[in-house]
Amino acid sequence: MTESLLFVDRVNQALATVFDQHRPDLVALSDDLAPLLEQLIAFSSGGKRTRAQFVAAGGGLTAASAESGTDEALVHAGVAVELFHAAALVHDDLLDRSRHPPRPPVDPPGL
């Protein structure tokens, strides 16, 4: 497995742990948070974790450190970036309702 795939797996595992650990506390605060949490989970599931991989690249993640688990801080930073992005999507789609459906492609003039 390549170092980036190892890192992505570790970020995915850490995200699942964050949601599992904090779900009861968030739902206890308000039942209204349950649908928002589900959307946050949906928006943060799947994908290539490109943002988290940028964090790893910026932090100088190496194959040896990825396999040994010594770059746990980079995993946490990657999770934070992914959660921030997912929260921004939730805000735009659910709270702000400001995202628009994609526009159809337009052929540039002269082509």
PDB file of N, CA and C in Angstrom:
ATOM      1  N   MET A   1       0.849  -1.175   0.000  1.00  0.00           N
ATOM      2  CA  MET A   1       0.000   0.000   0.000  1.00  0.00           C
ATOM      3  C   MET A   1       0.898   1.243   0.000  1.00  0.00           C
ATOM      4  N   THR A   2       0.570   2.206  -0.818  1.00  0.00           N
ATOM      5  CA  THR A   2       1.405   3.397  -0.888  1.00  0.00           C
ATOM      6  C   THR A   2       1.211   4.254   0.352  1.00  0.00           C
ATOM      7  N   GLU A   3       2.146   5.168   0.576  1.00  0.00           N
ATOM      8  CA  GLU A   3       2.074   6.007   1.773  1.00  0.00           C
ATOM      9  C   GLU A   3       0.833   6.881   1.769  1.00  0.00           C
ATOM     10  N   SER A   4       0.395   7.366   0.599  1.00  0.00           N
ATOM     11  CA  SER A   4      -0.796   8.216   0.581  1.00  0.00           C
ATOM     12  C   SER A   4      -2.044   7.405   0.906  1.00  0.00           C
ATOM     13  N   LEU A   5      -2.107   6.150   0.446  1.00  0.00           N
ATOM     14  CA  LEU A   5      -3.263   5.316   0.784  1.00  0.00           C
ATOM     15  C   LEU A   5      -3.274   4.971   2.270  1.00  0.00           C
ATOM     16  N   LEU A   6      -2.100   4.727   2.839  1.00  0.00           N
ATOM     17  CA  LEU A   6      -2.027   4.493   4.286  1.00  0.00           C
ATOM     18  C   LEU A   6      -2.530   5.708   5.048  1.00  0.00           C
ATOM     19  N   PHE A   7      -2.111   6.876   4.613  1.00  0.00           N
ATOM     20  CA  PHE A   7      -2.525   8.105   5.281  1.00  0.00           C
ATOM     21  C   PHE A   7      -4.033   8.307   5.149  1.00  0.00           C
ATOM     22  N   VAL A   8      -4.581   8.087   3.966  1.00  0.00           N
ATOM     23  CA  VAL A   8      -6.025   8.236   3.752  1.00  0.00           C
ATOM     24  C   VAL A   8      -6.793   7.269   4.641  1.00  0.00           C
ATOM     25  N   ASP A   9      -6.331   6.038   4.751  1.00  0.00           N
ATOM     26  CA  ASP A   9      -6.981   5.067   5.634  1.00  0.00           C
ATOM     27  C   ASP A   9      -6.966   5.539   7.081  1.00  0.00           C
ATOM     28  N   ARG A  10      -5.843   6.083   7.505  1.00  0.00           N
ATOM     29  CA  ARG A  10      -5.733   6.571   8.884  1.00  0.00           C
ATOM     30  C   ARG A  10      -6.651   7.761   9.118  1.00  0.00           C
ATOM     31  N   VAL A  11      -6.772   8.651   8.133  1.00  0.00           N
ATOM     32  CA  VAL A  11      -7.687   9.796   8.255  1.00  0.00           C
ATOM     33  C   VAL A  11      -9.132   9.297   8.311  1.00  0.00           C
ATOM     34  N   ASN A  12      -9.490   8.346   7.450  1.00  0.00           N
ATOM     35  CA  ASN A  12     -10.850   7.792   7.466  1.00  0.00           C
ATOM     36  C   ASN A  12     -11.176   7.157   8.816  1.00  0.00           C
ATOM     37  N   GLN A  13     -10.238   6.394   9.364  1.00  0.00           N
ATOM     38  CA  GLN A  13     -10.450   5.771  10.671  1.00  0.00           C
ATOM     39  C   GLN A  13     -10.601   6.819  11.763  1.00  0.00           C
ATOM     40  N   ALA A  14      -9.781   7.855  11.710  1.00  0.00           N
ATOM     41  CA  ALA A  14      -9.853   8.910  12.718  1.00  0.00           C
ATOM     42  C   ALA A  14     -11.159   9.689  12.615  1.00  0.00           C
ATOM     43  N   LEU A  15     -11.632   9.943  11.400  1.00  0.00           N
ATOM     44  CA  LEU A  15     -12.923  10.624  11.229  1.00  0.00           C
ATOM     45  C   LEU A  15     -14.054   9.800  11.825  1.00  0.00           C
ATOM     46  N   ALA A  16     -14.063   8.501  11.533  1.00  0.00           N
ATOM     47  CA  ALA A  16     -15.107   7.632  12.089  1.00  0.00           C
ATOM     48  C   ALA A  16     -15.072   7.645  13.613  1.00  0.00           C
ATOM     49  N   THR A  17     -13.878   7.642  14.178  1.00  0.00           N
ATOM     50  CA  THR A  17     -13.735   7.679  15.639  1.00  0.00           C
ATOM     51  C   THR A  17     -14.269   8.984  16.209  1.00  0.00           C
ATOM     52  N   VAL A  18     -13.954  10.095  15.554  1.00  0.00           N
ATOM     53  CA  VAL A  18     -14.442  11.407  16.018  1.00  0.00           C
ATOM     54  C   VAL A  18     -15.964  11.416  16.047  1.00  0.00           C
ATOM     55  N   PHE A  19     -16.586  10.964  14.965  1.00  0.00           N
ATOM     56  CA  PHE A  19     -18.051  10.962  14.920  1.00  0.00           C
ATOM     57  C   PHE A  19     -18.641  10.031  15.977  1.00  0.00           C
ATOM     58  N   ASP A  20     -18.065   8.847  16.132  1.00  0.00           N
ATOM     59  CA  ASP A  20     -18.570   7.895  17.122  1.00  0.00           C
ATOM     60  C   ASP A  20     -18.445   8.443  18.545  1.00  0.00           C
ATOM     61  N   GLN A  21     -17.317   9.081  18.830  1.00  0.00           N
ATOM     62  CA  GLN A  21     -17.085   9.585  20.185  1.00  0.00           C
ATOM     63  C   GLN A  21     -17.970  10.772  20.529  1.00  0.00           C
ATOM     64  N   HIS A  22     -18.231  11.649  19.570  1.00  0.00           N
ATOM     65  CA  HIS A  22     -18.918  12.902  19.875  1.00  0.00           C
ATOM     66  C   HIS A  22     -20.410  12.897  19.574  1.00  0.00           C
ATOM     67  N   ARG A  23     -20.891  11.897  18.854  1.00  0.00           N
ATOM     68  CA  ARG A  23     -22.323  11.841  18.518  1.00  0.00           C
ATOM     69  C   ARG A  23     -23.220  11.924  19.754  1.00  0.00           C
ATOM     70  N   PRO A  24     -22.999  11.121  20.802  1.00  0.00           N
ATOM     71  CA  PRO A  24     -23.907  11.185  21.952  1.00  0.00           C
ATOM     72  C   PRO A  24     -23.936  12.572  22.609  1.00  0.00           C
ATOM     73  N   ASP A  25     -22.784  13.211  22.720  1.00  0.00           N
ATOM     74  CA  ASP A  25     -22.741  14.528  23.354  1.00  0.00           C
ATOM     75  C   ASP A  25     -23.459  15.579  22.515  1.00  0.00           C
ATOM     76  N   LEU A  26     -23.272  15.530  21.209  1.00  0.00           N
ATOM     77  CA  LEU A  26     -23.918  16.515  20.343  1.00  0.00           C
ATOM     78  C   LEU A  26     -25.429  16.349  20.330  1.00  0.00           C
ATOM     79  N   VAL A  27     -25.890  15.111  20.227  1.00  0.00           N
ATOM     80  CA  VAL A  27     -27.332  14.861  20.200  1.00  0.00           C
ATOM     81  C   VAL A  27     -27.953  15.189  21.553  1.00  0.00           C
ATOM     82  N   ALA A  28     -27.192  15.006  22.640  1.00  0.00           N
ATOM     83  CA  ALA A  28     -27.703  15.361  23.967  1.00  0.00           C
ATOM     84  C   ALA A  28     -27.905  16.863  24.116  1.00  0.00           C
ATOM     85  N   LEU A  29     -27.106  17.647  23.403  1.00  0.00           N
ATOM     86  CA  LEU A  29     -27.267  19.100  23.461  1.00  0.00           C
ATOM     87  C   LEU A  29     -28.589  19.535  22.862  1.00  0.00           C
ATOM     88  N   SER A  30     -28.927  18.925  21.720  1.00  0.00           N
ATOM     89  CA  SER A  30     -30.171  19.272  21.045  1.00  0.00           C
ATOM     90  C   SER A  30     -30.477  18.215  20.000  1.00  0.00           C
ATOM     91  N   ASP A  31     -31.743  17.823  19.936  1.00  0.00           N
ATOM     92  CA  ASP A  31     -32.153  16.881  18.895  1.00  0.00           C
ATOM     93  C   ASP A  31     -31.990  17.494  17.505  1.00  0.00           C
ATOM     94  N   ASP A  32     -31.991  18.826  17.432  1.00  0.00           N
ATOM     95  CA  ASP A  32     -31.828  19.503  16.148  1.00  0.00           C
ATOM     96  C   ASP A  32     -30.454  19.270  15.548  1.00  0.00           C
ATOM     97  N   LEU A  33     -29.482  18.876  16.369  1.00  0.00           N
ATOM     98  CA  LEU A  33     -28.132  18.656  15.855  1.00  0.00           C
ATOM     99  C   LEU A  33     -27.987  17.316  15.135  1.00  0.00           C
ATOM    100  N   ALA A  34     -28.890  16.393  15.393  1.00  0.00           N
ATOM    101  CA  ALA A  34     -28.784  15.066  14.769  1.00  0.00           C
ATOM    102  C   ALA A  34     -28.788  15.135  13.244  1.00  0.00           C
ATOM    103  N   PRO A  35     -29.750  15.859  12.608  1.00  0.00           N
ATOM    104  CA  PRO A  35     -29.706  15.907  11.139  1.00  0.00           C
ATOM    105  C   PRO A  35     -28.471  16.635  10.606  1.00  0.00           C
ATOM    106  N   LEU A  36     -28.023  17.659  11.323  1.00  0.00           N
ATOM    107  CA  LEU A  36     -26.814  18.357  10.885  1.00  0.00           C
ATOM    108  C   LEU A  36     -25.599  17.445  10.973  1.00  0.00           C
ATOM    109  N   LEU A  37     -25.544  16.659  12.043  1.00  0.00           N
ATOM    110  CA  LEU A  37     -24.439  15.718  12.200  1.00  0.00           C
ATOM    111  C   LEU A  37     -24.464  14.674  11.094  1.00  0.00           C
ATOM    112  N   GLU A  38     -25.650  14.191  10.746  1.00  0.00           N
ATOM    113  CA  GLU A  38     -25.755  13.203   9.668  1.00  0.00           C
ATOM    114  C   GLU A  38     -25.290  13.796   8.344  1.00  0.00           C
ATOM    115  N   GLN A  39     -25.619  15.053   8.089  1.00  0.00           N
ATOM    116  CA  GLN A  39     -25.153  15.697   6.865  1.00  0.00           C
ATOM    117  C   GLN A  39     -23.640  15.885   6.883  1.00  0.00           C
ATOM    118  N   LEU A  40     -23.103  16.239   8.039  1.00  0.00           N
ATOM    119  CA  LEU A  40     -21.658  16.389   8.172  1.00  0.00           C
ATOM    120  C   LEU A  40     -20.957  15.062   7.887  1.00  0.00           C
ATOM    121  N   ILE A  41     -21.515  13.985   8.415  1.00  0.00           N
ATOM    122  CA  ILE A  41     -20.959  12.652   8.161  1.00  0.00           C
ATOM    123  C   ILE A  41     -21.060  12.317   6.671  1.00  0.00           C
ATOM    124  N   ALA A  42     -22.213  12.613   6.067  1.00  0.00           N
ATOM    125  CA  ALA A  42     -22.402  12.321   4.646  1.00  0.00           C
ATOM    126  C   ALA A  42     -21.419  13.119   3.788  1.00  0.00           C
ATOM    127  N   PHE A  43     -21.262  14.402   4.102  1.00  0.00           N
ATOM    128  CA  PHE A  43     -20.361  15.237   3.313  1.00  0.00           C
ATOM    129  C   PHE A  43     -18.900  14.853   3.513  1.00  0.00           C
ATOM    130  N   SER A  44     -18.582  14.237   4.630  1.00  0.00           N
ATOM    131  CA  SER A  44     -17.180  13.896   4.888  1.00  0.00           C
ATOM    132  C   SER A  44     -16.857  12.439   4.578  1.00  0.00           C
ATOM    133  N   SER A  45     -17.828  11.692   4.063  1.00  0.00           N
ATOM    134  CA  SER A  45     -17.556  10.286   3.751  1.00  0.00           C
ATOM    135  C   SER A  45     -17.094  10.154   2.306  1.00  0.00           C
ATOM    136  N   GLY A  46     -16.291   9.155   2.081  1.00  0.00           N
ATOM    137  CA  GLY A  46     -15.804   8.892   0.736  1.00  0.00           C
ATOM    138  C   GLY A  46     -14.798   9.925   0.274  1.00  0.00           C
ATOM    139  N   GLY A  47     -14.499   9.879  -0.974  1.00  0.00           N
ATOM    140  CA  GLY A  47     -13.578  10.842  -1.553  1.00  0.00           C
ATOM    141  C   GLY A  47     -12.125  10.418  -1.435  1.00  0.00           C
ATOM    142  N   LYS A  48     -11.272  11.216  -2.046  1.00  0.00           N
ATOM    143  CA  LYS A  48      -9.845  10.911  -2.093  1.00  0.00           C
ATOM    144  C   LYS A  48      -9.078  11.532  -0.938  1.00  0.00           C
ATOM    145  N   ARG A  49      -9.736  12.377  -0.152  1.00  0.00           N
ATOM    146  CA  ARG A  49      -9.076  13.068   0.961  1.00  0.00           C
ATOM    147  C   ARG A  49      -7.919  13.929   0.461  1.00  0.00           C
ATOM    148  N   THR A  50      -8.169  14.618  -0.648  1.00  0.00           N
ATOM    149  CA  THR A  50      -7.132  15.452  -1.245  1.00  0.00           C
ATOM    150  C   THR A  50      -6.658  16.522  -0.275  1.00  0.00           C
ATOM    151  N   ARG A  51      -7.583  17.132   0.448  1.00  0.00           N
ATOM    152  CA  ARG A  51      -7.197  18.174   1.411  1.00  0.00           C
ATOM    153  C   ARG A  51      -6.274  17.604   2.488  1.00  0.00           C
ATOM    154  N   ALA A  52      -6.624  16.446   3.004  1.00  0.00           N
ATOM    155  CA  ALA A  52      -5.796  15.809   4.029  1.00  0.00           C
ATOM    156  C   ALA A  52      -4.437  15.413   3.448  1.00  0.00           C
ATOM    157  N   GLN A  53      -4.434  14.988   2.189  1.00  0.00           N
ATOM    158  CA  GLN A  53      -3.162  14.632   1.566  1.00  0.00           C
ATOM    159  C   GLN A  53      -2.276  15.860   1.360  1.00  0.00           C
ATOM    160  N   PHE A  54      -2.880  17.021   1.114  1.00  0.00           N
ATOM    161  CA  PHE A  54      -2.097  18.257   1.050  1.00  0.00           C
ATOM    162  C   PHE A  54      -1.446  18.535   2.401  1.00  0.00           C
ATOM    163  N   VAL A  55      -2.180  18.288   3.474  1.00  0.00           N
ATOM    164  CA  VAL A  55      -1.617  18.465   4.814  1.00  0.00           C
ATOM    165  C   VAL A  55      -0.423  17.534   4.996  1.00  0.00           C
ATOM    166  N   ALA A  56      -0.589  16.284   4.587  1.00  0.00           N
ATOM    167  CA  ALA A  56       0.499  15.311   4.721  1.00  0.00           C
ATOM    168  C   ALA A  56       1.711  15.733   3.902  1.00  0.00           C
ATOM    169  N   ALA A  57       1.469  16.187   2.681  1.00  0.00           N
ATOM    170  CA  ALA A  57       2.579  16.617   1.835  1.00  0.00           C
ATOM    171  C   ALA A  57       3.275  17.829   2.440  1.00  0.00           C
ATOM    172  N   GLY A  58       2.503  18.761   2.938  1.00  0.00           N
ATOM    173  CA  GLY A  58       3.085  19.942   3.561  1.00  0.00           C
ATOM    174  C   GLY A  58       3.853  19.613   4.821  1.00  0.00           C
ATOM    175  N   GLY A  59       3.439  18.556   5.495  1.00  0.00           N
ATOM    176  CA  GLY A  59       4.117  18.141   6.719  1.00  0.00           C
ATOM    177  C   GLY A  59       5.282  17.209   6.477  1.00  0.00           C
ATOM    178  N   GLY A  60       5.526  16.879   5.232  1.00  0.00           N
ATOM    179  CA  GLY A  60       6.673  16.029   4.916  1.00  0.00           C
ATOM    180  C   GLY A  60       6.480  14.584   5.327  1.00  0.00           C
ATOM    181  N   LEU A  61       5.264  14.067   5.177  1.00  0.00           N
ATOM    182  CA  LEU A  61       4.988  12.674   5.529  1.00  0.00           C
ATOM    183  C   LEU A  61       5.850  11.745   4.670  1.00  0.00           C
ATOM    184  N   THR A  62       6.500  10.815   5.309  1.00  0.00           N
ATOM    185  CA  THR A  62       7.309   9.834   4.586  1.00  0.00           C
ATOM    186  C   THR A  62       6.690   8.456   4.754  1.00  0.00           C
ATOM    187  N   ALA A  63       7.037   7.556   3.887  1.00  0.00           N
ATOM    188  CA  ALA A  63       6.491   6.199   3.963  1.00  0.00           C
ATOM    189  C   ALA A  63       6.834   5.552   5.296  1.00  0.00           C
ATOM    190  N   ALA A  64       8.039   5.752   5.772  1.00  0.00           N
ATOM    191  CA  ALA A  64       8.450   5.136   7.039  1.00  0.00           C
ATOM    192  C   ALA A  64       7.632   5.676   8.200  1.00  0.00           C
ATOM    193  N   SER A  65       7.395   6.978   8.227  1.00  0.00           N
ATOM    194  CA  SER A  65       6.624   7.535   9.342  1.00  0.00           C
ATOM    195  C   SER A  65       5.154   7.169   9.233  1.00  0.00           C
ATOM    196  N   ALA A  66       4.647   7.023   8.006  1.00  0.00           N
ATOM    197  CA  ALA A  66       3.251   6.621   7.834  1.00  0.00           C
ATOM    198  C   ALA A  66       3.029   5.210   8.363  1.00  0.00           C
ATOM    199  N   GLU A  67       3.975   4.321   8.084  1.00  0.00           N
ATOM    200  CA  GLU A  67       3.831   2.939   8.530  1.00  0.00           C
ATOM    201  C   GLU A  67       4.039   2.800  10.028  1.00  0.00           C
ATOM    202  N   SER A  68       4.886   3.620  10.596  1.00  0.00           N
ATOM    203  CA  SER A  68       5.166   3.501  12.030  1.00  0.00           C
ATOM    204  C   SER A  68       4.145   4.242  12.880  1.00  0.00           C
ATOM    205  N   GLY A  69       3.346   5.106  12.239  1.00  0.00           N
ATOM    206  CA  GLY A  69       2.337   5.840  12.992  1.00  0.00           C
ATOM    207  C   GLY A  69       2.891   7.018  13.759  1.00  0.00           C
ATOM    208  N   THR A  70       4.080   7.489  13.409  1.00  0.00           N
ATOM    209  CA  THR A  70       4.680   8.590  14.156  1.00  0.00           C
ATOM    210  C   THR A  70       4.142   9.952  13.750  1.00  0.00           C
ATOM    211  N   ASP A  71       3.405  10.021  12.663  1.00  0.00           N
ATOM    212  CA  ASP A  71       2.873  11.308  12.216  1.00  0.00           C
ATOM    213  C   ASP A  71       1.400  11.466  12.584  1.00  0.00           C
ATOM    214  N   GLU A  72       1.073  11.135  13.802  1.00  0.00           N
ATOM    215  CA  GLU A  72      -0.309  11.226  14.272  1.00  0.00           C
ATOM    216  C   GLU A  72      -0.815  12.667  14.216  1.00  0.00           C
ATOM    217  N   ALA A  73       0.067  13.631  14.447  1.00  0.00           N
ATOM    218  CA  ALA A  73      -0.344  15.038  14.379  1.00  0.00           C
ATOM    219  C   ALA A  73      -0.811  15.398  12.978  1.00  0.00           C
ATOM    220  N   LEU A  74      -0.173  14.834  11.951  1.00  0.00           N
ATOM    221  CA  LEU A  74      -0.612  15.089  10.580  1.00  0.00           C
ATOM    222  C   LEU A  74      -1.970  14.463  10.305  1.00  0.00           C
ATOM    223  N   VAL A  75      -2.226  13.304  10.875  1.00  0.00           N
ATOM    224  CA  VAL A  75      -3.544  12.676  10.734  1.00  0.00           C
ATOM    225  C   VAL A  75      -4.604  13.576  11.355  1.00  0.00           C
ATOM    226  N   HIS A  76      -4.337  14.075  12.559  1.00  0.00           N
ATOM    227  CA  HIS A  76      -5.302  14.958  13.231  1.00  0.00           C
ATOM    228  C   HIS A  76      -5.510  16.246  12.446  1.00  0.00           C
ATOM    229  N   ALA A  77      -4.442  16.789  11.891  1.00  0.00           N
ATOM    230  CA  ALA A  77      -4.573  17.993  11.070  1.00  0.00           C
ATOM    231  C   ALA A  77      -5.372  17.694   9.800  1.00  0.00           C
ATOM    232  N   GLY A  78      -5.139  16.541   9.195  1.00  0.00           N
ATOM    233  CA  GLY A  78      -5.905  16.137   8.019  1.00  0.00           C
ATOM    234  C   GLY A  78      -7.380  15.984   8.336  1.00  0.00           C
ATOM    235  N   VAL A  79      -7.684  15.392   9.486  1.00  0.00           N
ATOM    236  CA  VAL A  79      -9.082  15.258   9.924  1.00  0.00           C
ATOM    237  C   VAL A  79      -9.702  16.635  10.115  1.00  0.00           C
ATOM    238  N   ALA A  80      -8.968  17.537  10.729  1.00  0.00           N
ATOM    239  CA  ALA A  80      -9.485  18.887  10.976  1.00  0.00           C
ATOM    240  C   ALA A  80      -9.822  19.596   9.666  1.00  0.00           C
ATOM    241  N   VAL A  81      -8.949  19.462   8.684  1.00  0.00           N
ATOM    242  CA  VAL A  81      -9.189  20.109   7.393  1.00  0.00           C
ATOM    243  C   VAL A  81     -10.406  19.490   6.711  1.00  0.00           C
ATOM    244  N   GLU A  82     -10.527  18.186   6.754  1.00  0.00           N
ATOM    245  CA  GLU A  82     -11.684  17.520   6.151  1.00  0.00           C
ATOM    246  C   GLU A  82     -12.985  17.914   6.863  1.00  0.00           C
ATOM    247  N   LEU A  83     -12.958  17.994   8.184  1.00  0.00           N
ATOM    248  CA  LEU A  83     -14.149  18.402   8.933  1.00  0.00           C
ATOM    249  C   LEU A  83     -14.517  19.847   8.637  1.00  0.00           C
ATOM    250  N   PHE A  84     -13.515  20.712   8.541  1.00  0.00           N
ATOM    251  CA  PHE A  84     -13.785  22.110   8.218  1.00  0.00           C
ATOM    252  C   PHE A  84     -14.461  22.213   6.850  1.00  0.00           C
ATOM    253  N   HIS A  85     -13.950  21.494   5.876  1.00  0.00           N
ATOM    254  CA  HIS A  85     -14.543  21.517   4.542  1.00  0.00           C
ATOM    255  C   HIS A  85     -15.978  20.979   4.567  1.00  0.00           C
ATOM    256  N   ALA A  86     -16.186  19.865   5.254  1.00  0.00           N
ATOM    257  CA  ALA A  86     -17.538  19.294   5.333  1.00  0.00           C
ATOM    258  C   ALA A  86     -18.489  20.260   6.036  1.00  0.00           C
ATOM    259  N   ALA A  87     -18.019  20.924   7.093  1.00  0.00           N
ATOM    260  CA  ALA A  87     -18.862  21.889   7.804  1.00  0.00           C
ATOM    261  C   ALA A  87     -19.223  23.069   6.899  1.00  0.00           C
ATOM    262  N   ALA A  88     -18.288  23.486   6.067  1.00  0.00           N
ATOM    263  CA  ALA A  88     -18.579  24.573   5.127  1.00  0.00           C
ATOM    264  C   ALA A  88     -19.647  24.147   4.128  1.00  0.00           C
ATOM    265  N   LEU A  89     -19.589  22.892   3.671  1.00  0.00           N
ATOM    266  CA  LEU A  89     -20.615  22.387   2.760  1.00  0.00           C
ATOM    267  C   LEU A  89     -21.971  22.316   3.446  1.00  0.00           C
ATOM    268  N   VAL A  90     -21.993  21.848   4.686  1.00  0.00           N
ATOM    269  CA  VAL A  90     -23.252  21.794   5.435  1.00  0.00           C
ATOM    270  C   VAL A  90     -23.810  23.203   5.590  1.00  0.00           C
ATOM    271  N   HIS A  91     -22.965  24.137   5.936  1.00  0.00           N
ATOM    272  CA  HIS A  91     -23.415  25.522   6.107  1.00  0.00           C
ATOM    273  C   HIS A  91     -24.008  26.049   4.805  1.00  0.00           C
ATOM    274  N   ASP A  92     -23.313  25.846   3.695  1.00  0.00           N
ATOM    275  CA  ASP A  92     -23.803  26.349   2.416  1.00  0.00           C
ATOM    276  C   ASP A  92     -25.098  25.669   1.995  1.00  0.00           C
ATOM    277  N   ASP A  93     -25.161  24.351   2.125  1.00  0.00           N
ATOM    278  CA  ASP A  93     -26.309  23.610   1.618  1.00  0.00           C
ATOM    279  C   ASP A  93     -27.528  23.680   2.528  1.00  0.00           C
ATOM    280  N   LEU A  94     -27.315  23.630   3.829  1.00  0.00           N
ATOM    281  CA  LEU A  94     -28.451  23.524   4.737  1.00  0.00           C
ATOM    282  C   LEU A  94     -28.788  24.831   5.439  1.00  0.00           C
ATOM    283  N   LEU A  95     -27.812  25.522   5.910  1.00  0.00           N
ATOM    284  CA  LEU A  95     -28.077  26.712   6.711  1.00  0.00           C
ATOM    285  C   LEU A  95     -28.224  27.958   5.843  1.00  0.00           C
ATOM    286  N   ASP A  96     -27.304  28.142   4.929  1.00  0.00           N
ATOM    287  CA  ASP A  96     -27.303  29.322   4.076  1.00  0.00           C
ATOM    288  C   ASP A  96     -28.174  29.149   2.840  1.00  0.00           C
ATOM    289  N   ARG A  97     -28.286  27.917   2.404  1.00  0.00           N
ATOM    290  CA  ARG A  97     -28.992  27.589   1.161  1.00  0.00           C
ATOM    291  C   ARG A  97     -28.465  28.421   0.000  1.00  0.00           C
ATOM    292  N   SER A  98     -27.163  28.645   0.011  1.00  0.00           N
ATOM    293  CA  SER A  98     -26.576  29.523  -0.995  1.00  0.00           C
ATOM    294  C   SER A  98     -25.948  28.777  -2.156  1.00  0.00           C
ATOM    295  N   ARG A  99     -25.797  27.488  -2.042  1.00  0.00           N
ATOM    296  CA  ARG A  99     -25.211  26.758  -3.170  1.00  0.00           C
ATOM    297  C   ARG A  99     -26.261  26.606  -4.250  1.00  0.00           C
ATOM    298  N   HIS A 100     -25.826  26.757  -5.454  1.00  0.00           N
ATOM    299  CA  HIS A 100     -26.725  26.664  -6.591  1.00  0.00           C
ATOM    300  C   HIS A 100     -26.452  25.367  -7.333  1.00  0.00           C
ATOM    301  N   PRO A 101     -27.475  24.867  -8.028  1.00  0.00           N
ATOM    302  CA  PRO A 101     -27.202  23.668  -8.821  1.00  0.00           C
ATOM    303  C   PRO A 101     -26.161  23.989  -9.892  1.00  0.00           C
ATOM    304  N   PRO A 102     -25.395  22.991 -10.280  1.00  0.00           N
ATOM    305  CA  PRO A 102     -24.371  23.259 -11.293  1.00  0.00           C
ATOM    306  C   PRO A 102     -24.989  23.763 -12.593  1.00  0.00           C
ATOM    307  N   ARG A 103     -24.310  24.690 -13.192  1.00  0.00           N
ATOM    308  CA  ARG A 103     -24.777  25.210 -14.477  1.00  0.00           C
ATOM    309  C   ARG A 103     -24.386  24.234 -15.576  1.00  0.00           C
ATOM    310  N   PRO A 104     -25.190  24.188 -16.641  1.00  0.00           N
ATOM    311  CA  PRO A 104     -24.812  23.303 -17.749  1.00  0.00           C
ATOM    312  C   PRO A 104     -23.542  23.838 -18.416  1.00  0.00           C
ATOM    313  N   PRO A 105     -22.732  22.937 -18.979  1.00  0.00           N
ATOM    314  CA  PRO A 105     -21.514  23.392 -19.647  1.00  0.00           C
ATOM    315  C   PRO A 105     -21.848  24.288 -20.839  1.00  0.00           C
ATOM    316  N   VAL A 106     -21.011  25.260 -21.055  1.00  0.00           N
ATOM    317  CA  VAL A 106     -21.191  26.182 -22.156  1.00  0.00           C
ATOM    318  C   VAL A 106     -19.994  26.061 -23.088  1.00  0.00           C
ATOM    319  N   ASP A 107     -20.284  25.936 -24.373  1.00  0.00           N
ATOM    320  CA  ASP A 107     -19.202  25.889 -25.359  1.00  0.00           C
ATOM    321  C   ASP A 107     -18.687  27.302 -25.572  1.00  0.00           C
ATOM    322  N   PRO A 108     -17.397  27.519 -25.416  1.00  0.00           N
ATOM    323  CA  PRO A 108     -16.854  28.852 -25.662  1.00  0.00           C
ATOM    324  C   PRO A 108     -17.063  29.263 -27.111  1.00  0.00           C
ATOM    325  N   PRO A 109     -17.292  30.556 -27.346  1.00  0.00           N
ATOM    326  CA  PRO A 109     -17.478  31.004 -28.726  1.00  0.00           C
ATOM    327  C   PRO A 109     -16.262  30.675 -29.587  1.00  0.00           C
ATOM    328  N   GLY A 110     -16.537  30.309 -30.812  1.00  0.00           N
ATOM    329  CA  GLY A 110     -15.453  30.032 -31.748  1.00  0.00           C
ATOM    330  C   GLY A 110     -14.936  28.612 -31.724  1.00  0.00           C
ATOM    331  N   LEU A 111     -15.519  27.754 -30.910  1.00  0.00           N
ATOM    332  CA  LEU A 111     -15.076  26.356 -30.904  1.00  0.00           C
ATOM    333  C   LEU A 111     -16.067  25.464 -31.601  1.00  0.00           C
TER     334      LEU A 111
END
